[in-house]
Amino acid sequence: MIDCNIDRENILPSERAFAYKMKLDAIKVQSKRIFVFDVTPQEWKLENIEFTNERNIKKINNYIRLTNLIPELLELVDVGRIAFSPALELSYLTRENQNIVSDFIDMEDATPTVGQAIRMKKLELEGKLDEEVIEQIMLEEKPYQKEKFTMPYEQLRKYLPKEYTNKQVEKIICGLLEEYSKK
């Protein structure tokens, strides 16, 4: 049943994570093989188990690591608001700090980048991560979160000569907006 679930085409990251975790637990119980699960370097070492290669083992381990996320953050991964890599790093935070991150995401509608999540993980391991530090990190401006205005290119071009460059178009629009704001 677990294998069928894992092999589904449309499976949420959380479903895949818990399916892999269940499979690992089942293999441990059924086969009584020796397992060493080393969380720190984020790799598992398995004896006598058929996984195709190290890359797959690391991928599976990363999915299993997601099961350490609080449900609120895991749901954000499922809906695509938090990318897999930042989520993986956030999984190393305490539940308390994960709750702070989740609350901040809800309040500010801003999710952490991979770099921010890595810094939080590092500070967590050093015992220096708290609500204030999380807020400072999360408030940093991210290039993709800057507000942008877009409109269809064709809509602009029907009012301007085709030979105008983008810089010329921008200059005209800014000039018109400046005149408009004076009125």
Protein backbone atom coordinates (compact mmCIF):
# COMPACT_ATOMS: atom_id res chain seq x y z
CA MET A 1 0.00 0.00 0.00
CA ILE A 2 2.82 2.38 0.87
CA ASP A 3 4.61 1.67 -2.41
CA CYS A 4 1.43 2.38 -4.36
CA ASN A 5 1.03 5.66 -2.49
CA ILE A 6 4.64 6.70 -3.15
CA ASP A 7 4.34 5.86 -6.85
CA ARG A 8 1.23 7.99 -7.38
CA GLU A 9 1.73 10.70 -9.96
CA ASN A 10 0.08 13.51 -8.01
CA ILE A 11 1.27 13.15 -4.46
CA LEU A 12 1.79 15.98 -2.01
CA PRO A 13 5.25 16.37 -0.48
CA SER A 14 3.80 15.64 2.97
CA GLU A 15 2.15 12.44 1.73
CA ARG A 16 5.40 11.30 0.13
CA ALA A 17 7.34 12.17 3.31
CA PHE A 18 5.05 10.17 5.59
CA ALA A 19 4.87 7.29 3.11
CA TYR A 20 8.67 7.02 3.06
CA LYS A 21 8.75 7.23 6.85
CA MET A 22 6.15 4.48 7.15
CA LYS A 23 8.08 2.33 4.68
CA LEU A 24 11.32 2.79 6.61
CA ASP A 25 9.57 1.94 9.89
CA ALA A 26 7.97 -1.15 8.31
CA ILE A 27 11.29 -2.35 6.91
CA LYS A 28 12.93 -1.88 10.31
CA VAL A 29 10.27 -3.95 12.04
CA GLN A 30 9.88 -6.67 9.42
CA SER A 31 13.44 -7.36 8.48
CA LYS A 32 15.17 -6.56 11.76
CA ARG A 33 18.13 -5.25 9.80
CA ILE A 34 20.68 -2.91 11.32
CA PHE A 35 19.84 0.72 10.72
CA VAL A 36 21.78 3.77 11.71
CA PHE A 37 19.85 6.99 11.25
CA ASP A 38 22.28 9.84 11.66
CA VAL A 39 20.30 13.09 11.73
CA THR A 40 23.22 15.50 11.96
CA PRO A 41 24.83 14.94 8.56
CA GLN A 42 21.36 14.29 7.21
CA GLU A 43 22.09 10.91 5.68
CA TRP A 44 20.97 7.45 6.53
CA LYS A 45 23.05 4.37 6.21
CA LEU A 46 21.25 1.14 5.53
CA GLU A 47 22.64 -2.37 5.30
CA ASN A 48 21.14 -4.94 2.93
CA ILE A 49 18.38 -2.75 1.57
CA GLU A 50 17.56 -2.29 -2.09
CA PHE A 51 17.65 1.42 -2.84
CA THR A 52 19.00 2.16 -6.27
CA ASN A 53 21.71 4.68 -5.42
CA GLU A 54 23.00 7.21 -2.89
CA ARG A 55 21.14 10.05 -4.59
CA ASN A 56 17.83 8.28 -4.03
CA ILE A 57 18.73 7.56 -0.42
CA LYS A 58 19.48 11.26 0.16
CA LYS A 59 16.24 12.26 -1.57
CA ILE A 60 14.24 9.82 0.53
CA ASN A 61 16.00 11.01 3.67
CA ASN A 62 15.13 14.60 2.80
CA TYR A 63 11.47 13.70 2.42
CA ILE A 64 11.49 11.86 5.74
CA ARG A 65 13.11 14.93 7.32
CA LEU A 66 10.03 16.96 6.31
CA THR A 67 7.99 14.93 8.81
CA ASN A 68 9.71 17.02 11.51
CA LEU A 69 7.85 20.13 10.34
CA ILE A 70 4.83 21.36 12.24
CA PRO A 71 1.56 20.78 10.32
CA GLU A 72 1.16 24.47 9.46
CA LEU A 73 4.54 24.64 7.71
CA LEU A 74 4.06 21.27 6.05
CA GLU A 75 0.77 22.49 4.61
CA LEU A 76 2.57 25.53 3.16
CA VAL A 77 4.99 23.13 1.45
CA ASP A 78 2.05 21.14 0.06
CA VAL A 79 0.40 24.21 -1.45
CA GLY A 80 3.71 25.49 -2.83
CA ARG A 81 4.10 28.59 -0.65
CA ILE A 82 7.33 27.27 0.86
CA ALA A 83 9.80 25.58 -1.46
CA PHE A 84 11.23 22.18 -0.59
CA SER A 85 14.79 23.34 0.23
CA PRO A 86 13.83 26.07 2.73
CA ALA A 87 11.31 23.67 4.29
CA LEU A 88 14.03 21.07 4.72
CA GLU A 89 16.20 23.59 6.60
CA LEU A 90 13.25 24.76 8.72
CA SER A 91 12.67 21.15 9.80
CA TYR A 92 15.76 21.47 12.05
CA LEU A 93 14.18 24.25 14.11
CA THR A 94 12.45 23.50 17.39
CA ARG A 95 8.68 23.27 17.23
CA GLU A 96 8.50 26.56 19.13
CA ASN A 97 10.64 28.35 16.55
CA GLN A 98 8.75 26.70 13.71
CA ASN A 99 5.55 28.11 15.22
CA ILE A 100 7.13 31.58 15.30
CA VAL A 101 8.12 31.25 11.63
CA SER A 102 4.62 30.04 10.75
CA ASP A 103 2.98 32.93 12.63
CA PHE A 104 5.29 35.40 10.89
CA ILE A 105 4.42 33.94 7.48
CA ASP A 106 0.71 34.37 8.29
CA MET A 107 1.14 37.96 9.52
CA GLU A 108 3.57 39.28 6.91
CA ASP A 109 2.76 37.00 3.96
CA ALA A 110 6.50 36.44 3.46
CA THR A 111 8.19 33.06 3.29
CA PRO A 112 11.89 32.40 3.95
CA THR A 113 14.43 31.90 1.20
CA VAL A 114 16.86 28.98 1.33
CA GLY A 115 19.57 31.31 2.63
CA GLN A 116 17.35 32.64 5.39
CA ALA A 117 16.30 29.14 6.41
CA ILE A 118 19.93 27.98 6.48
CA ARG A 119 20.87 30.92 8.72
CA MET A 120 17.97 30.14 11.07
CA LYS A 121 19.07 26.49 11.22
CA LYS A 122 22.65 27.53 12.01
CA LEU A 123 21.53 29.93 14.72
CA GLU A 124 19.20 27.24 16.11
CA LEU A 125 22.12 24.81 16.40
CA GLU A 126 24.16 27.53 18.16
CA GLY A 127 21.28 28.22 20.56
CA LYS A 128 20.95 31.80 19.33
CA LEU A 129 17.61 31.66 17.53
CA ASP A 130 14.65 33.38 19.13
CA GLU A 131 11.57 35.33 18.06
CA GLU A 132 13.48 38.59 17.60
CA VAL A 133 16.16 37.00 15.42
CA ILE A 134 13.55 35.16 13.34
CA GLU A 135 11.70 38.44 12.78
CA GLN A 136 14.92 40.23 11.72
CA ILE A 137 15.77 37.49 9.25
CA MET A 138 12.24 37.26 7.85
CA LEU A 139 11.92 41.05 7.43
CA GLU A 140 14.89 41.23 5.05
CA GLU A 141 13.76 42.35 1.63
CA LYS A 142 13.84 39.64 -0.98
CA PRO A 143 14.20 40.51 -4.67
CA TYR A 144 11.20 38.41 -5.69
CA GLN A 145 8.97 40.08 -3.10
CA LYS A 146 9.39 43.61 -4.44
CA GLU A 147 6.14 44.90 -5.84
CA LYS A 148 5.95 44.97 -9.61
CA PHE A 149 3.40 46.27 -12.01
CA THR A 150 2.91 44.47 -15.29
CA MET A 151 0.64 44.89 -18.25
CA PRO A 152 0.45 43.22 -21.63
CA TYR A 153 3.17 44.44 -23.98
CA GLU A 154 0.72 44.71 -26.89
CA GLN A 155 -1.42 47.10 -24.89
CA LEU A 156 1.48 49.55 -24.57
CA ARG A 157 2.74 49.15 -28.11
CA LYS A 158 -0.57 50.14 -29.70
CA TYR A 159 0.01 53.68 -28.38
CA LEU A 160 3.73 53.99 -29.15
CA PRO A 161 5.87 53.62 -32.26
CA LYS A 162 7.24 50.09 -32.74
CA GLU A 163 10.84 51.31 -33.01
CA TYR A 164 10.86 52.69 -29.43
CA THR A 165 13.13 50.81 -27.03
CA ASN A 166 11.94 49.65 -23.63
CA LYS A 167 13.90 52.51 -22.02
CA GLN A 168 12.12 55.04 -24.23
CA VAL A 169 8.74 53.50 -23.38
CA GLU A 170 9.58 53.62 -19.68
CA LYS A 171 10.63 57.28 -19.95
CA ILE A 172 7.37 58.23 -21.69
CA ILE A 173 5.22 56.38 -19.13
CA CYS A 174 7.07 57.95 -16.19
CA GLY A 175 6.74 61.38 -17.79
CA LEU A 176 3.00 60.92 -18.27
CA LEU A 177 2.58 59.71 -14.69
CA GLU A 178 4.52 62.71 -13.42
CA GLU A 179 2.21 65.08 -15.34
CA TYR A 180 -0.81 63.16 -14.08
CA SER A 181 0.29 63.41 -10.46
CA LYS A 182 0.65 67.21 -10.75
CA LYS A 183 -3.00 67.57 -11.75
